[in-house]
Amino acid sequence: MRSKVTKRPEQASGLTGREIEVLRLLARGLQTKQIARELVITPRTVDHHISHIYTKIGASHRVGASLFATEHGLV
């Protein structure tokens, strides 16, 4: 019997669900440590997510990422 494969819904610029969570908090102005506390992950993990977000959306700083989030209805 073949197992059923469920596909994740397409996200903006290929962002994962967790990356979208991080981006939403980043766009609200939270700092890395605050995002980490909110999501119960380490600040280093938040930094990794932010780096991946920047690469995927073509941003190089928080302002650009916040603008992206706003334009795509993520905040």
C-alpha atoms as a PDB file:
ATOM      1  CA  MET A   1       0.000   0.000   0.000  1.00  0.00           C
ATOM      2  CA  ARG A   2       1.299   3.413  -0.915  1.00  0.00           C
ATOM      3  CA  SER A   3       1.459   6.031   1.838  1.00  0.00           C
ATOM      4  CA  LYS A   4      -0.244   9.357   1.332  1.00  0.00           C
ATOM      5  CA  VAL A   5       2.109  12.322   1.038  1.00  0.00           C
ATOM      6  CA  THR A   6       0.856  15.650   2.250  1.00  0.00           C
ATOM      7  CA  LYS A   7       2.327  18.741   0.720  1.00  0.00           C
ATOM      8  CA  ARG A   8       2.832  21.927   2.674  1.00  0.00           C
ATOM      9  CA  PRO A   9       1.009  24.957   1.307  1.00  0.00           C
ATOM     10  CA  GLU A  10       3.169  27.293  -0.763  1.00  0.00           C
ATOM     11  CA  GLN A  11       4.536  30.112   1.366  1.00  0.00           C
ATOM     12  CA  ALA A  12       5.758  33.549   0.301  1.00  0.00           C
ATOM     13  CA  SER A  13       9.197  33.173  -1.347  1.00  0.00           C
ATOM     14  CA  GLY A  14       9.465  29.611  -0.118  1.00  0.00           C
ATOM     15  CA  LEU A  15       9.590  30.583   3.550  1.00  0.00           C
ATOM     16  CA  THR A  16       8.865  27.831   6.046  1.00  0.00           C
ATOM     17  CA  GLY A  17       6.170  28.232   8.666  1.00  0.00           C
ATOM     18  CA  ARG A  18       8.788  28.877  11.349  1.00  0.00           C
ATOM     19  CA  GLU A  19      10.545  31.474   9.192  1.00  0.00           C
ATOM     20  CA  ILE A  20       7.225  33.268   8.747  1.00  0.00           C
ATOM     21  CA  GLU A  21       6.723  33.248  12.521  1.00  0.00           C
ATOM     22  CA  VAL A  22      10.183  34.769  12.992  1.00  0.00           C
ATOM     23  CA  LEU A  23       9.588  37.320  10.215  1.00  0.00           C
ATOM     24  CA  ARG A  24       6.276  38.421  11.744  1.00  0.00           C
ATOM     25  CA  LEU A  25       7.922  39.041  15.104  1.00  0.00           C
ATOM     26  CA  LEU A  26      10.913  40.737  13.480  1.00  0.00           C
ATOM     27  CA  ALA A  27       8.540  43.018  11.541  1.00  0.00           C
ATOM     28  CA  ARG A  28       6.819  43.945  14.818  1.00  0.00           C
ATOM     29  CA  GLY A  29      10.172  45.265  16.025  1.00  0.00           C
ATOM     30  CA  LEU A  30      11.206  42.484  18.398  1.00  0.00           C
ATOM     31  CA  GLN A  31      14.920  41.921  18.912  1.00  0.00           C
ATOM     32  CA  THR A  32      16.579  38.524  18.466  1.00  0.00           C
ATOM     33  CA  LYS A  33      16.443  37.635  22.179  1.00  0.00           C
ATOM     34  CA  GLN A  34      12.783  38.648  22.392  1.00  0.00           C
ATOM     35  CA  ILE A  35      11.908  36.503  19.357  1.00  0.00           C
ATOM     36  CA  ALA A  36      13.785  33.583  20.928  1.00  0.00           C
ATOM     37  CA  ARG A  37      11.829  33.920  24.171  1.00  0.00           C
ATOM     38  CA  GLU A  38       8.521  34.212  22.318  1.00  0.00           C
ATOM     39  CA  LEU A  39       9.154  31.080  20.216  1.00  0.00           C
ATOM     40  CA  VAL A  40      11.024  29.153  22.941  1.00  0.00           C
ATOM     41  CA  ILE A  41      14.155  28.715  20.812  1.00  0.00           C
ATOM     42  CA  THR A  42      17.719  29.953  21.215  1.00  0.00           C
ATOM     43  CA  PRO A  43      18.871  33.344  19.932  1.00  0.00           C
ATOM     44  CA  ARG A  44      21.353  31.493  17.720  1.00  0.00           C
ATOM     45  CA  THR A  45      18.484  29.598  16.084  1.00  0.00           C
ATOM     46  CA  VAL A  46      16.657  32.884  15.540  1.00  0.00           C
ATOM     47  CA  ASP A  47      19.784  34.264  13.849  1.00  0.00           C
ATOM     48  CA  HIS A  48      19.863  31.221  11.545  1.00  0.00           C
ATOM     49  CA  HIS A  49      16.202  31.731  10.638  1.00  0.00           C
ATOM     50  CA  ILE A  50      16.783  35.432   9.976  1.00  0.00           C
ATOM     51  CA  SER A  51      19.747  34.641   7.737  1.00  0.00           C
ATOM     52  CA  HIS A  52      17.648  32.165   5.744  1.00  0.00           C
ATOM     53  CA  ILE A  53      14.790  34.682   5.516  1.00  0.00           C
ATOM     54  CA  TYR A  54      17.118  37.383   4.159  1.00  0.00           C
ATOM     55  CA  THR A  55      18.470  34.991   1.530  1.00  0.00           C
ATOM     56  CA  LYS A  56      15.038  33.812   0.422  1.00  0.00           C
ATOM     57  CA  ILE A  57      13.458  37.264   0.153  1.00  0.00           C
ATOM     58  CA  GLY A  58      16.523  39.129  -1.076  1.00  0.00           C
ATOM     59  CA  ALA A  59      16.782  41.429   1.931  1.00  0.00           C
ATOM     60  CA  SER A  60      19.936  42.527   3.711  1.00  0.00           C
ATOM     61  CA  HIS A  61      18.490  44.105   6.848  1.00  0.00           C
ATOM     62  CA  ARG A  62      15.468  44.165   9.156  1.00  0.00           C
ATOM     63  CA  VAL A  63      13.840  47.147   7.459  1.00  0.00           C
ATOM     64  CA  GLY A  64      13.793  45.346   4.111  1.00  0.00           C
ATOM     65  CA  ALA A  65      12.442  42.197   5.741  1.00  0.00           C
ATOM     66  CA  SER A  66       9.736  44.209   7.519  1.00  0.00           C
ATOM     67  CA  LEU A  67       8.724  45.852   4.248  1.00  0.00           C
ATOM     68  CA  PHE A  68       8.522  42.412   2.598  1.00  0.00           C
ATOM     69  CA  ALA A  69       6.330  41.140   5.450  1.00  0.00           C
ATOM     70  CA  THR A  70       4.004  44.118   5.119  1.00  0.00           C
ATOM     71  CA  GLU A  71       3.758  43.859   1.327  1.00  0.00           C
ATOM     72  CA  HIS A  72       2.907  40.158   1.556  1.00  0.00           C
ATOM     73  CA  GLY A  73       0.278  40.510   4.280  1.00  0.00           C
ATOM     74  CA  LEU A  74       2.298  38.705   6.920  1.00  0.00           C
ATOM     75  CA  VAL A  75       1.824  41.399   9.568  1.00  0.00           C
END
